[in-house]
């Protein structure tokens, strides 16, 4: 069949529907229809089409094992959060999920209860303590909490090319009663990387390019749904304008100021510190 403007979309969708995998057939034929609908709605110009192709190519070029520019693009378009919402419809009492972000690194070192993952990096000491439980409040012993964050300047390990060892990331294991204790430094709200194609695009808008202060957690235990989430500092800037749409009310936690002295890990600090208390509630698989 010869192609014209009226039949092109359906012809292309039908071709992609011949995928040998039923799910891929559905995905690709729907993608074709939506892409064509977008181009028709905005009457996409050839120069605009080429600019988009070049933007995607540059996003690929700038990405590497530590920087995922296309994940960042998905984040700022709100797509990452939408996919999280669609795939993590947990019970109301379960801890809500949010975006992974572009800076998670696999293989963080195992850390004992109360281990200081800041390891001398400047900043206000912060302890995060609580329990890991199921929906009924029963402890999940041995649950592994994969934790990572930015430093007091808002930089992640993945953004520091001179760093070749684990920095502000570790895997903690909950004790038999489900309790855990993370020692680190208070994170800071920060700007997403603005030196790539995502930053170039945001610079043409009034969108805030900042994230509120937070600590990342990933908990994946047998018998439970994987939980990817953050804890946000109550009162921090940008809670209501998070550039990646990741803030949720249930994840905003008070960082209480505590005087020097006895700390939650059993040690004694000679400087004041912050304490955040939060119980992670896992959704059964």
C-alpha atoms as a PDB file:
ATOM      1  CA  UNK A   1       0.000   0.000   0.000  1.00  0.00           C
ATOM      2  CA  UNK A   2       1.267   3.445  -0.905  1.00  0.00           C
ATOM      3  CA  UNK A   3       1.692   5.904   1.957  1.00  0.00           C
ATOM      4  CA  UNK A   4      -0.074   9.221   2.449  1.00  0.00           C
ATOM      5  CA  UNK A   5      -0.586  11.529   5.418  1.00  0.00           C
ATOM      6  CA  UNK A   6      -3.894   9.909   6.317  1.00  0.00           C
ATOM      7  CA  UNK A   7      -2.824   6.255   6.401  1.00  0.00           C
ATOM      8  CA  UNK A   8       0.822   6.515   7.533  1.00  0.00           C
ATOM      9  CA  UNK A   9       0.186   6.248  11.279  1.00  0.00           C
ATOM     10  CA  UNK A  10      -1.952   3.131  11.033  1.00  0.00           C
ATOM     11  CA  UNK A  11       0.446   1.462   8.597  1.00  0.00           C
ATOM     12  CA  UNK A  12       3.407   2.076  10.920  1.00  0.00           C
ATOM     13  CA  UNK A  13       1.468   0.913  13.988  1.00  0.00           C
ATOM     14  CA  UNK A  14       0.398  -2.269  12.205  1.00  0.00           C
ATOM     15  CA  UNK A  15       3.976  -3.063  11.225  1.00  0.00           C
ATOM     16  CA  UNK A  16       5.226  -2.694  14.798  1.00  0.00           C
ATOM     17  CA  UNK A  17       2.311  -4.797  16.047  1.00  0.00           C
ATOM     18  CA  UNK A  18       3.942  -7.779  14.298  1.00  0.00           C
ATOM     19  CA  UNK A  19       6.523  -8.047  17.086  1.00  0.00           C
ATOM     20  CA  UNK A  20       6.965 -11.671  18.165  1.00  0.00           C
ATOM     21  CA  UNK A  21       6.505 -10.619  21.793  1.00  0.00           C
ATOM     22  CA  UNK A  22       2.884  -9.570  22.585  1.00  0.00           C
ATOM     23  CA  UNK A  23       3.899  -6.966  25.147  1.00  0.00           C
ATOM     24  CA  UNK A  24       6.438  -5.396  22.795  1.00  0.00           C
ATOM     25  CA  UNK A  25       3.844  -5.361  20.045  1.00  0.00           C
ATOM     26  CA  UNK A  26       1.473  -3.410  22.286  1.00  0.00           C
ATOM     27  CA  UNK A  27       4.165  -1.028  23.481  1.00  0.00           C
ATOM     28  CA  UNK A  28       5.590  -0.221  20.060  1.00  0.00           C
ATOM     29  CA  UNK A  29       2.318   0.179  18.187  1.00  0.00           C
ATOM     30  CA  UNK A  30       1.024   2.493  20.936  1.00  0.00           C
ATOM     31  CA  UNK A  31       4.303   4.434  20.913  1.00  0.00           C
ATOM     32  CA  UNK A  32       4.013   4.974  17.155  1.00  0.00           C
ATOM     33  CA  UNK A  33       0.447   6.249  17.477  1.00  0.00           C
ATOM     34  CA  UNK A  34       1.326   8.656  20.293  1.00  0.00           C
ATOM     35  CA  UNK A  35       4.456   9.962  18.557  1.00  0.00           C
ATOM     36  CA  UNK A  36       2.502  10.605  15.379  1.00  0.00           C
ATOM     37  CA  UNK A  37      -0.314  12.243  17.343  1.00  0.00           C
ATOM     38  CA  UNK A  38       2.199  14.578  18.998  1.00  0.00           C
ATOM     39  CA  UNK A  39       3.779  15.516  15.668  1.00  0.00           C
ATOM     40  CA  UNK A  40       0.349  16.223  14.169  1.00  0.00           C
ATOM     41  CA  UNK A  41      -0.855  18.228  17.183  1.00  0.00           C
ATOM     42  CA  UNK A  42       2.126  20.600  17.192  1.00  0.00           C
ATOM     43  CA  UNK A  43       2.723  20.446  13.420  1.00  0.00           C
ATOM     44  CA  UNK A  44       6.325  19.446  14.072  1.00  0.00           C
ATOM     45  CA  UNK A  45       8.834  21.268  11.901  1.00  0.00           C
ATOM     46  CA  UNK A  46      11.757  19.490  10.247  1.00  0.00           C
ATOM     47  CA  UNK A  47      14.230  21.699  12.106  1.00  0.00           C
ATOM     48  CA  UNK A  48      12.494  20.905  15.410  1.00  0.00           C
ATOM     49  CA  UNK A  49      12.565  17.192  14.637  1.00  0.00           C
ATOM     50  CA  UNK A  50      16.313  17.376  13.919  1.00  0.00           C
ATOM     51  CA  UNK A  51      16.924  19.396  17.103  1.00  0.00           C
ATOM     52  CA  UNK A  52      15.197  16.654  19.110  1.00  0.00           C
ATOM     53  CA  UNK A  53      17.309  13.971  17.439  1.00  0.00           C
ATOM     54  CA  UNK A  54      20.494  15.887  18.224  1.00  0.00           C
ATOM     55  CA  UNK A  55      19.348  16.471  21.819  1.00  0.00           C
ATOM     56  CA  UNK A  56      18.804  12.732  22.334  1.00  0.00           C
ATOM     57  CA  UNK A  57      22.166  11.942  20.727  1.00  0.00           C
ATOM     58  CA  UNK A  58      23.949  14.373  23.042  1.00  0.00           C
ATOM     59  CA  UNK A  59      22.159  12.923  26.078  1.00  0.00           C
ATOM     60  CA  UNK A  60      23.531   9.529  25.065  1.00  0.00           C
ATOM     61  CA  UNK A  61      27.051  10.841  24.512  1.00  0.00           C
ATOM     62  CA  UNK A  62      27.264  12.521  27.918  1.00  0.00           C
ATOM     63  CA  UNK A  63      26.009   9.432  29.776  1.00  0.00           C
ATOM     64  CA  UNK A  64      28.387   6.894  31.283  1.00  0.00           C
ATOM     65  CA  UNK A  65      28.523   4.386  34.133  1.00  0.00           C
ATOM     66  CA  UNK A  66      28.172   7.171  36.708  1.00  0.00           C
ATOM     67  CA  UNK A  67      25.959   9.660  34.864  1.00  0.00           C
ATOM     68  CA  UNK A  68      22.636   8.764  33.257  1.00  0.00           C
ATOM     69  CA  UNK A  69      21.410  11.854  31.416  1.00  0.00           C
ATOM     70  CA  UNK A  70      18.414  10.051  29.918  1.00  0.00           C
ATOM     71  CA  UNK A  71      17.231   8.989  33.383  1.00  0.00           C
ATOM     72  CA  UNK A  72      17.593  12.637  34.390  1.00  0.00           C
ATOM     73  CA  UNK A  73      15.473  13.613  31.396  1.00  0.00           C
ATOM     74  CA  UNK A  74      12.818  11.100  32.400  1.00  0.00           C
ATOM     75  CA  UNK A  75      12.916  12.524  35.935  1.00  0.00           C
ATOM     76  CA  UNK A  76      12.399  16.169  34.976  1.00  0.00           C
ATOM     77  CA  UNK A  77       9.625  15.305  32.503  1.00  0.00           C
ATOM     78  CA  UNK A  78       7.757  13.643  35.368  1.00  0.00           C
ATOM     79  CA  UNK A  79       7.837  10.303  33.572  1.00  0.00           C
ATOM     80  CA  UNK A  80       9.954   8.565  36.216  1.00  0.00           C
ATOM     81  CA  UNK A  81       7.525   9.513  38.986  1.00  0.00           C
ATOM     82  CA  UNK A  82       4.539   8.468  36.871  1.00  0.00           C
ATOM     83  CA  UNK A  83       6.090   5.043  36.240  1.00  0.00           C
ATOM     84  CA  UNK A  84       6.812   4.726  39.983  1.00  0.00           C
ATOM     85  CA  UNK A  85       3.175   5.557  40.761  1.00  0.00           C
ATOM     86  CA  UNK A  86       1.830   3.048  38.226  1.00  0.00           C
ATOM     87  CA  UNK A  87       4.058   0.232  39.449  1.00  0.00           C
ATOM     88  CA  UNK A  88       4.034   0.785  43.214  1.00  0.00           C
ATOM     89  CA  UNK A  89       0.415   0.979  44.303  1.00  0.00           C
ATOM     90  CA  UNK A  90       1.141   0.020  47.899  1.00  0.00           C
ATOM     91  CA  UNK A  91      -1.252  -0.224  50.840  1.00  0.00           C
ATOM     92  CA  UNK A  92      -1.901   3.136  52.560  1.00  0.00           C
ATOM     93  CA  UNK A  93       0.213   2.187  55.592  1.00  0.00           C
ATOM     94  CA  UNK A  94       3.229   1.129  53.491  1.00  0.00           C
ATOM     95  CA  UNK A  95       6.089   3.555  52.922  1.00  0.00           C
ATOM     96  CA  UNK A  96       5.524   5.220  49.537  1.00  0.00           C
ATOM     97  CA  UNK A  97       8.024   4.811  46.743  1.00  0.00           C
ATOM     98  CA  UNK A  98       9.634   7.602  44.774  1.00  0.00           C
ATOM     99  CA  UNK A  99      12.217   7.989  42.014  1.00  0.00           C
ATOM    100  CA  UNK A 100      15.568   6.202  41.952  1.00  0.00           C
ATOM    101  CA  UNK A 101      17.375   9.219  40.500  1.00  0.00           C
ATOM    102  CA  UNK A 102      20.432   9.128  38.244  1.00  0.00           C
ATOM    103  CA  UNK A 103      23.138   8.682  40.898  1.00  0.00           C
ATOM    104  CA  UNK A 104      22.599   5.254  42.431  1.00  0.00           C
ATOM    105  CA  UNK A 105      25.709   3.052  42.220  1.00  0.00           C
ATOM    106  CA  UNK A 106      25.559  -0.724  42.622  1.00  0.00           C
ATOM    107  CA  UNK A 107      27.895  -2.537  44.978  1.00  0.00           C
ATOM    108  CA  UNK A 108      27.937  -0.250  48.012  1.00  0.00           C
ATOM    109  CA  UNK A 109      29.922  -1.738  50.920  1.00  0.00           C
ATOM    110  CA  UNK A 110      28.187  -3.536  53.778  1.00  0.00           C
ATOM    111  CA  UNK A 111      28.037  -1.432  56.938  1.00  0.00           C
ATOM    112  CA  UNK A 112      27.347  -2.408  60.559  1.00  0.00           C
ATOM    113  CA  UNK A 113      24.725  -0.770  62.778  1.00  0.00           C
ATOM    114  CA  UNK A 114      25.611   2.903  63.291  1.00  0.00           C
ATOM    115  CA  UNK A 115      28.496   2.930  60.804  1.00  0.00           C
ATOM    116  CA  UNK A 116      29.517   6.453  59.777  1.00  0.00           C
ATOM    117  CA  UNK A 117      29.262   6.443  55.993  1.00  0.00           C
ATOM    118  CA  UNK A 118      30.402  10.074  55.849  1.00  0.00           C
ATOM    119  CA  UNK A 119      33.901   8.914  56.926  1.00  0.00           C
ATOM    120  CA  UNK A 120      35.199  12.361  57.810  1.00  0.00           C
ATOM    121  CA  UNK A 121      33.443  14.318  55.042  1.00  0.00           C
ATOM    122  CA  UNK A 122      32.603  17.789  56.440  1.00  0.00           C
ATOM    123  CA  UNK A 123      29.031  18.377  57.561  1.00  0.00           C
ATOM    124  CA  UNK A 124      26.619  18.287  60.482  1.00  0.00           C
ATOM    125  CA  UNK A 125      26.386  14.750  61.893  1.00  0.00           C
ATOM    126  CA  UNK A 126      23.048  13.082  61.149  1.00  0.00           C
ATOM    127  CA  UNK A 127      21.640   9.846  62.529  1.00  0.00           C
ATOM    128  CA  UNK A 128      18.688   8.152  60.848  1.00  0.00           C
ATOM    129  CA  UNK A 129      17.104   5.481  63.042  1.00  0.00           C
ATOM    130  CA  UNK A 130      13.952   3.417  63.154  1.00  0.00           C
ATOM    131  CA  UNK A 131      12.578   0.003  62.240  1.00  0.00           C
ATOM    132  CA  UNK A 132      11.873  -1.989  59.099  1.00  0.00           C
ATOM    133  CA  UNK A 133       8.489  -3.702  59.472  1.00  0.00           C
ATOM    134  CA  UNK A 134       5.716  -5.351  57.488  1.00  0.00           C
ATOM    135  CA  UNK A 135       2.193  -3.958  57.181  1.00  0.00           C
ATOM    136  CA  UNK A 136       1.235  -5.464  60.549  1.00  0.00           C
ATOM    137  CA  UNK A 137       4.150  -3.832  62.340  1.00  0.00           C
ATOM    138  CA  UNK A 138       6.169  -7.026  62.653  1.00  0.00           C
ATOM    139  CA  UNK A 139       9.939  -6.523  62.233  1.00  0.00           C
ATOM    140  CA  UNK A 140      11.727  -7.601  59.066  1.00  0.00           C
ATOM    141  CA  UNK A 141      15.014  -8.889  60.535  1.00  0.00           C
ATOM    142  CA  UNK A 142      18.095  -8.647  58.374  1.00  0.00           C
ATOM    143  CA  UNK A 143      16.535  -6.230  55.892  1.00  0.00           C
ATOM    144  CA  UNK A 144      19.266  -4.499  53.868  1.00  0.00           C
ATOM    145  CA  UNK A 145      18.988  -0.729  53.491  1.00  0.00           C
ATOM    146  CA  UNK A 146      21.008   0.550  50.541  1.00  0.00           C
ATOM    147  CA  UNK A 147      21.635   4.221  51.403  1.00  0.00           C
ATOM    148  CA  UNK A 148      23.177   7.035  49.357  1.00  0.00           C
ATOM    149  CA  UNK A 149      23.111  10.828  49.342  1.00  0.00           C
ATOM    150  CA  UNK A 150      24.744  14.071  48.293  1.00  0.00           C
ATOM    151  CA  UNK A 151      27.312  15.812  50.459  1.00  0.00           C
ATOM    152  CA  UNK A 152      26.993  19.180  52.205  1.00  0.00           C
ATOM    153  CA  UNK A 153      27.758  20.892  48.891  1.00  0.00           C
ATOM    154  CA  UNK A 154      25.051  18.953  47.052  1.00  0.00           C
ATOM    155  CA  UNK A 155      27.456  16.680  45.129  1.00  0.00           C
ATOM    156  CA  UNK A 156      27.130  12.910  44.693  1.00  0.00           C
ATOM    157  CA  UNK A 157      30.021  10.517  44.323  1.00  0.00           C
ATOM    158  CA  UNK A 158      29.013   9.964  40.690  1.00  0.00           C
ATOM    159  CA  UNK A 159      29.615  13.663  39.998  1.00  0.00           C
ATOM    160  CA  UNK A 160      33.171  13.638  41.347  1.00  0.00           C
ATOM    161  CA  UNK A 161      35.541  12.088  38.785  1.00  0.00           C
ATOM    162  CA  UNK A 162      38.466  12.149  41.217  1.00  0.00           C
ATOM    163  CA  UNK A 163      36.637   9.821  43.646  1.00  0.00           C
ATOM    164  CA  UNK A 164      37.382   6.114  43.090  1.00  0.00           C
ATOM    165  CA  UNK A 165      35.932   4.595  46.268  1.00  0.00           C
ATOM    166  CA  UNK A 166      32.541   4.491  48.001  1.00  0.00           C
ATOM    167  CA  UNK A 167      31.559   7.947  49.248  1.00  0.00           C
ATOM    168  CA  UNK A 168      28.383   8.671  51.221  1.00  0.00           C
ATOM    169  CA  UNK A 169      26.858   5.322  50.352  1.00  0.00           C
ATOM    170  CA  UNK A 170      26.615   2.030  52.227  1.00  0.00           C
ATOM    171  CA  UNK A 171      24.373  -0.983  52.852  1.00  0.00           C
ATOM    172  CA  UNK A 172      23.072  -1.327  56.406  1.00  0.00           C
ATOM    173  CA  UNK A 173      21.387  -4.455  57.762  1.00  0.00           C
ATOM    174  CA  UNK A 174      18.483  -4.250  60.205  1.00  0.00           C
ATOM    175  CA  UNK A 175      18.898  -6.141  63.469  1.00  0.00           C
ATOM    176  CA  UNK A 176      16.702  -9.047  64.590  1.00  0.00           C
ATOM    177  CA  UNK A 177      14.116  -6.629  65.999  1.00  0.00           C
ATOM    178  CA  UNK A 178      14.056  -4.695  62.701  1.00  0.00           C
ATOM    179  CA  UNK A 179      15.931  -1.685  64.057  1.00  0.00           C
ATOM    180  CA  UNK A 180      18.556   0.105  62.001  1.00  0.00           C
ATOM    181  CA  UNK A 181      20.900   3.043  62.523  1.00  0.00           C
ATOM    182  CA  UNK A 182      22.524   5.082  59.760  1.00  0.00           C
ATOM    183  CA  UNK A 183      25.193   7.629  60.611  1.00  0.00           C
ATOM    184  CA  UNK A 184      26.028  10.250  58.008  1.00  0.00           C
ATOM    185  CA  UNK A 185      25.966  14.033  57.539  1.00  0.00           C
ATOM    186  CA  UNK A 186      22.994  16.269  56.863  1.00  0.00           C
ATOM    187  CA  UNK A 187      22.323  16.444  53.111  1.00  0.00           C
ATOM    188  CA  UNK A 188      21.740  19.685  51.273  1.00  0.00           C
ATOM    189  CA  UNK A 189      19.250  20.684  48.632  1.00  0.00           C
ATOM    190  CA  UNK A 190      21.029  20.855  45.318  1.00  0.00           C
ATOM    191  CA  UNK A 191      20.727  21.656  41.646  1.00  0.00           C
ATOM    192  CA  UNK A 192      20.519  18.822  39.157  1.00  0.00           C
ATOM    193  CA  UNK A 193      23.418  18.775  36.662  1.00  0.00           C
ATOM    194  CA  UNK A 194      22.943  21.759  34.388  1.00  0.00           C
ATOM    195  CA  UNK A 195      25.977  21.196  32.142  1.00  0.00           C
ATOM    196  CA  UNK A 196      24.238  18.812  29.744  1.00  0.00           C
ATOM    197  CA  UNK A 197      21.287  18.736  27.347  1.00  0.00           C
ATOM    198  CA  UNK A 198      18.742  18.436  30.180  1.00  0.00           C
ATOM    199  CA  UNK A 199      20.153  21.552  31.833  1.00  0.00           C
ATOM    200  CA  UNK A 200      20.187  23.392  28.500  1.00  0.00           C
ATOM    201  CA  UNK A 201      16.504  22.636  28.036  1.00  0.00           C
ATOM    202  CA  UNK A 202      15.506  23.631  31.580  1.00  0.00           C
ATOM    203  CA  UNK A 203      17.435  26.897  31.180  1.00  0.00           C
ATOM    204  CA  UNK A 204      14.902  27.958  28.557  1.00  0.00           C
ATOM    205  CA  UNK A 205      12.067  27.787  31.145  1.00  0.00           C
ATOM    206  CA  UNK A 206      11.069  29.096  34.585  1.00  0.00           C
ATOM    207  CA  UNK A 207      11.374  25.587  36.083  1.00  0.00           C
ATOM    208  CA  UNK A 208      13.376  25.417  39.306  1.00  0.00           C
ATOM    209  CA  UNK A 209      16.330  23.088  38.798  1.00  0.00           C
ATOM    210  CA  UNK A 210      16.715  22.280  42.508  1.00  0.00           C
ATOM    211  CA  UNK A 211      15.877  19.294  44.681  1.00  0.00           C
ATOM    212  CA  UNK A 212      15.091  19.522  48.421  1.00  0.00           C
ATOM    213  CA  UNK A 213      17.515  17.977  50.926  1.00  0.00           C
ATOM    214  CA  UNK A 214      17.049  14.199  51.136  1.00  0.00           C
ATOM    215  CA  UNK A 215      18.640  10.800  51.730  1.00  0.00           C
ATOM    216  CA  UNK A 216      17.986   7.881  49.347  1.00  0.00           C
ATOM    217  CA  UNK A 217      16.977   4.393  50.505  1.00  0.00           C
ATOM    218  CA  UNK A 218      16.527   1.147  48.577  1.00  0.00           C
ATOM    219  CA  UNK A 219      15.187  -1.894  50.426  1.00  0.00           C
ATOM    220  CA  UNK A 220      14.677  -5.141  48.514  1.00  0.00           C
ATOM    221  CA  UNK A 221      13.889  -8.122  50.713  1.00  0.00           C
ATOM    222  CA  UNK A 222      12.577 -11.561  49.639  1.00  0.00           C
ATOM    223  CA  UNK A 223       8.813 -11.713  50.135  1.00  0.00           C
ATOM    224  CA  UNK A 224       8.350  -7.942  49.841  1.00  0.00           C
ATOM    225  CA  UNK A 225       8.024  -5.440  47.027  1.00  0.00           C
ATOM    226  CA  UNK A 226      11.175  -3.479  46.305  1.00  0.00           C
ATOM    227  CA  UNK A 227      11.042  -0.072  47.980  1.00  0.00           C
ATOM    228  CA  UNK A 228      12.922   2.834  46.414  1.00  0.00           C
ATOM    229  CA  UNK A 229      12.320   5.984  48.383  1.00  0.00           C
ATOM    230  CA  UNK A 230      13.769   9.156  49.958  1.00  0.00           C
ATOM    231  CA  UNK A 231      13.572  10.844  53.323  1.00  0.00           C
ATOM    232  CA  UNK A 232      13.238  14.615  52.946  1.00  0.00           C
ATOM    233  CA  UNK A 233      14.241  17.102  55.613  1.00  0.00           C
ATOM    234  CA  UNK A 234      11.238  18.946  57.014  1.00  0.00           C
ATOM    235  CA  UNK A 235      11.454  22.682  56.349  1.00  0.00           C
ATOM    236  CA  UNK A 236      14.055  22.432  53.602  1.00  0.00           C
ATOM    237  CA  UNK A 237      13.816  24.541  50.481  1.00  0.00           C
ATOM    238  CA  UNK A 238      12.211  23.260  47.261  1.00  0.00           C
ATOM    239  CA  UNK A 239       9.880  20.716  48.905  1.00  0.00           C
ATOM    240  CA  UNK A 240       7.006  22.122  46.840  1.00  0.00           C
ATOM    241  CA  UNK A 241       9.001  22.578  43.622  1.00  0.00           C
ATOM    242  CA  UNK A 242      11.149  19.430  43.433  1.00  0.00           C
ATOM    243  CA  UNK A 243      12.432  19.369  39.847  1.00  0.00           C
ATOM    244  CA  UNK A 244      11.907  15.591  39.587  1.00  0.00           C
ATOM    245  CA  UNK A 245       8.446  15.580  41.248  1.00  0.00           C
ATOM    246  CA  UNK A 246       9.708  13.189  43.937  1.00  0.00           C
ATOM    247  CA  UNK A 247       8.464  14.823  47.154  1.00  0.00           C
ATOM    248  CA  UNK A 248       5.663  13.075  49.065  1.00  0.00           C
ATOM    249  CA  UNK A 249       4.193  14.281  52.347  1.00  0.00           C
ATOM    250  CA  UNK A 250       4.687  10.922  54.088  1.00  0.00           C
ATOM    251  CA  UNK A 251       8.426  11.083  53.352  1.00  0.00           C
ATOM    252  CA  UNK A 252       9.045  14.509  54.932  1.00  0.00           C
ATOM    253  CA  UNK A 253      10.797  13.924  58.269  1.00  0.00           C
ATOM    254  CA  UNK A 254      11.843  16.235  61.080  1.00  0.00           C
ATOM    255  CA  UNK A 255      15.607  16.442  61.613  1.00  0.00           C
ATOM    256  CA  UNK A 256      15.693  17.145  65.350  1.00  0.00           C
ATOM    257  CA  UNK A 257      18.644  19.042  66.809  1.00  0.00           C
ATOM    258  CA  UNK A 258      20.331  17.147  69.640  1.00  0.00           C
ATOM    259  CA  UNK A 259      23.094  18.364  71.976  1.00  0.00           C
ATOM    260  CA  UNK A 260      26.555  16.864  72.174  1.00  0.00           C
ATOM    261  CA  UNK A 261      26.662  13.676  74.205  1.00  0.00           C
ATOM    262  CA  UNK A 262      25.221  10.183  73.881  1.00  0.00           C
ATOM    263  CA  UNK A 263      24.338   9.252  70.295  1.00  0.00           C
ATOM    264  CA  UNK A 264      21.851   6.642  69.002  1.00  0.00           C
ATOM    265  CA  UNK A 265      24.644   4.241  67.997  1.00  0.00           C
ATOM    266  CA  UNK A 266      25.956   4.096  71.572  1.00  0.00           C
ATOM    267  CA  UNK A 267      28.910   6.418  70.997  1.00  0.00           C
ATOM    268  CA  UNK A 268      29.472   9.869  72.470  1.00  0.00           C
ATOM    269  CA  UNK A 269      29.706  12.950  70.254  1.00  0.00           C
ATOM    270  CA  UNK A 270      31.480  16.126  71.288  1.00  0.00           C
ATOM    271  CA  UNK A 271      29.401  18.213  68.851  1.00  0.00           C
ATOM    272  CA  UNK A 272      25.636  18.667  68.403  1.00  0.00           C
ATOM    273  CA  UNK A 273      23.970  16.433  65.836  1.00  0.00           C
ATOM    274  CA  UNK A 274      20.684  15.872  64.018  1.00  0.00           C
ATOM    275  CA  UNK A 275      18.358  12.912  64.514  1.00  0.00           C
ATOM    276  CA  UNK A 276      15.742  11.684  62.031  1.00  0.00           C
ATOM    277  CA  UNK A 277      13.434   8.853  63.125  1.00  0.00           C
ATOM    278  CA  UNK A 278      11.526   6.856  60.523  1.00  0.00           C
ATOM    279  CA  UNK A 279      10.023   3.370  60.293  1.00  0.00           C
ATOM    280  CA  UNK A 280      10.033   1.773  56.839  1.00  0.00           C
ATOM    281  CA  UNK A 281       6.909  -0.326  56.225  1.00  0.00           C
ATOM    282  CA  UNK A 282       7.269  -2.873  53.425  1.00  0.00           C
ATOM    283  CA  UNK A 283       4.511  -4.086  51.090  1.00  0.00           C
ATOM    284  CA  UNK A 284       4.256  -7.890  50.791  1.00  0.00           C
ATOM    285  CA  UNK A 285       5.100  -9.189  47.332  1.00  0.00           C
END
